[in-house]
Protein backbone atom coordinates (compact mmCIF):
# COMPACT_ATOMS: atom_id res chain seq x y z
CA MET A 1 -17.32 9.98 8.63
CA ASP A 2 -19.73 11.80 10.96
CA VAL A 3 -16.99 11.97 13.58
CA LEU A 4 -14.82 13.91 11.14
CA LYS A 5 -17.65 16.22 10.07
CA ALA A 6 -18.46 17.03 13.70
CA ASP A 7 -14.98 18.42 14.47
CA ALA A 8 -14.92 22.23 14.37
CA ALA A 9 -11.12 22.49 14.04
CA LEU A 10 -11.20 20.17 11.02
CA GLY A 11 -14.04 22.23 9.55
CA THR A 12 -11.90 25.36 9.87
CA LEU A 13 -9.01 23.67 8.05
CA LEU A 14 -11.22 22.32 5.24
CA GLY A 15 -13.67 25.15 4.70
CA ASN A 16 -16.76 24.49 2.57
CA ASP A 17 -17.22 23.02 -0.90
CA ALA A 18 -19.24 24.66 -3.69
CA ALA A 19 -22.48 23.41 -2.11
CA GLY A 20 -21.57 24.95 1.26
CA ASN A 21 -20.86 21.61 2.95
CA MET A 22 -17.73 20.41 4.73
CA PRO A 23 -15.82 18.48 2.04
CA VAL A 24 -15.75 15.07 3.76
CA TYR A 25 -17.12 12.41 1.40
CA LEU A 26 -17.91 8.72 1.64
CA HIS A 27 -16.11 7.23 -1.36
CA TRP A 28 -15.33 9.45 -4.30
CA PRO A 29 -18.15 11.89 -5.07
CA MET A 30 -19.06 10.75 -8.57
CA GLY A 31 -19.77 13.48 -11.07
CA LYS A 32 -18.35 16.25 -8.89
CA MET A 33 -15.25 18.29 -9.40
CA MET A 34 -12.53 17.70 -6.88
CA PHE A 35 -12.48 20.35 -4.16
CA PHE A 36 -9.25 21.17 -2.34
CA PRO A 37 -8.78 20.53 0.47
CA GLU A 38 -11.08 17.55 0.98
CA ILE A 39 -11.29 14.17 2.68
CA THR A 40 -12.58 10.92 1.23
CA VAL A 41 -13.38 7.86 3.37
CA THR A 42 -13.50 4.36 1.86
CA ASP A 43 -13.81 0.83 3.25
CA VAL A 44 -11.22 -0.84 1.03
CA VAL A 45 -11.13 -4.35 2.53
CA ASP A 46 -13.85 -6.17 4.43
CA GLN A 47 -13.25 -9.79 5.41
CA GLY A 48 -15.26 -11.97 7.78
CA GLU A 49 -14.28 -15.28 9.33
CA VAL A 50 -16.29 -17.75 11.38
CA SER A 51 -14.05 -19.75 13.66
CA GLY A 52 -13.55 -23.41 12.74
CA LEU A 53 -13.16 -24.28 16.45
CA ASN A 54 -16.82 -23.48 17.24
CA ASP A 55 -15.88 -20.83 19.79
CA ALA A 56 -18.00 -18.41 17.81
CA TYR A 57 -21.22 -20.28 18.63
CA ASP A 58 -22.81 -19.90 22.06
CA GLY A 59 -25.58 -22.46 21.50
CA THR A 60 -28.10 -20.01 20.09
CA LYS A 61 -26.14 -17.46 18.09
CA ARG A 62 -23.19 -17.62 15.72
CA TYR A 63 -20.68 -14.79 15.55
CA GLU A 64 -18.32 -13.69 12.81
CA TRP A 65 -15.06 -11.89 13.40
CA SER A 66 -14.64 -9.21 10.78
CA GLU A 67 -11.68 -7.10 9.81
CA ALA A 68 -11.83 -3.98 7.68
CA GLN A 69 -9.33 -1.51 6.29
CA VAL A 70 -10.81 1.98 6.40
CA GLN A 71 -8.94 4.39 4.16
CA VAL A 72 -9.06 8.11 4.89
CA ASP A 73 -7.54 10.22 2.10
CA VAL A 74 -6.55 13.82 2.74
CA TRP A 75 -6.32 15.90 -0.45
CA ALA A 76 -4.74 19.37 -0.50
CA LYS A 77 -2.97 21.93 -2.71
CA SER A 78 0.11 22.20 -0.47
CA GLU A 79 2.17 19.93 1.76
CA GLY A 80 1.66 22.23 4.72
CA SER A 81 -2.12 22.17 4.43
CA ARG A 82 -2.12 18.40 3.95
CA GLY A 83 0.02 17.94 7.05
CA LEU A 84 -2.24 20.08 9.25
CA ILE A 85 -5.38 18.32 8.06
CA THR A 86 -3.80 14.87 8.48
CA ALA A 87 -2.71 15.69 12.04
CA GLN A 88 -6.25 16.83 12.92
CA VAL A 89 -7.83 13.72 11.34
CA ARG A 90 -5.54 11.50 13.42
CA LYS A 91 -6.38 13.48 16.58
CA VAL A 92 -10.12 13.29 15.95
CA LEU A 93 -10.05 9.53 15.36
CA LEU A 94 -7.79 8.95 18.37
CA ASP A 95 -10.17 10.95 20.57
CA ALA A 96 -13.09 8.86 19.24
CA LEU A 97 -11.58 5.47 20.14
CA ALA A 98 -13.74 5.11 23.26
CA ASP A 99 -16.87 5.85 21.19
CA PHE A 100 -15.85 3.22 18.62
CA ARG A 101 -15.24 0.65 21.36
CA SER A 102 -18.67 1.35 22.88
CA ILE A 103 -20.27 0.17 19.61
CA GLY A 104 -17.95 -2.85 19.31
CA VAL A 105 -15.34 -1.55 16.88
CA SER A 106 -11.61 -1.61 17.60
CA LEU A 107 -9.54 0.78 15.48
CA GLY A 108 -5.77 0.32 15.11
CA ALA A 109 -2.96 2.73 14.28
CA PRO A 110 -2.95 3.89 10.65
CA LEU A 111 -0.46 3.13 7.91
CA VAL A 112 0.25 6.54 6.36
CA MET A 113 1.34 6.89 2.72
CA SER A 114 2.19 10.12 0.93
CA LEU A 115 0.97 10.18 -2.66
CA ASN A 116 1.81 13.45 -4.37
CA GLU A 117 1.29 14.74 -7.90
CA THR A 118 3.61 17.74 -7.89
CA ARG A 119 2.93 18.70 -11.52
CA ARG A 120 -0.74 19.27 -10.76
CA LEU A 121 -0.13 20.38 -7.15
CA ILE A 122 -2.15 17.60 -5.56
CA PHE A 123 -0.78 16.54 -2.20
CA ARG A 124 -2.38 13.47 -0.66
CA HIS A 125 -2.00 11.43 2.50
CA SER A 126 -3.64 8.04 2.50
CA LEU A 127 -4.27 6.75 6.02
CA ARG A 128 -5.31 3.09 6.28
CA TYR A 129 -6.85 2.19 9.62
CA PRO A 130 -7.31 -1.51 10.50
CA ALA A 131 -10.68 -2.06 12.17
CA PHE A 132 -11.90 -5.18 13.99
CA TYR A 133 -15.50 -5.98 14.95
CA VAL A 134 -17.77 -8.93 15.70
CA LEU A 135 -21.11 -9.50 13.97
CA GLU A 136 -23.95 -11.86 14.77
CA VAL A 137 -24.68 -14.05 11.75
CA SER A 138 -27.53 -16.44 11.03
């Protein structure tokens, strides 16, 4: 989420919410009115697996392979705005791949779904990024 907030071009596209902050939120901001455009980030699936073949144990430490699905939702009042913001989100996360790898996280290509409510003029892209990482477990 901090990677998205640090991008100046994305900040220009999003503007500021009522509190003067860039509207990039972890999960849905409970109790707040929806601000357009905005981005919400959610970890929708988190699964860990310790190998049954003991290759995750080096004699002193045990490791767990974990997979997550990180969902980035882009919310906007027009298709054009949604498309520009989505393109910038993808660029920012692609540029950050080396940073993610340096902390042990591998991020895959997103599955992109368009979810629009044309009656209320809510245009949404839901980007689901598969993430893979290894954790030390006791």
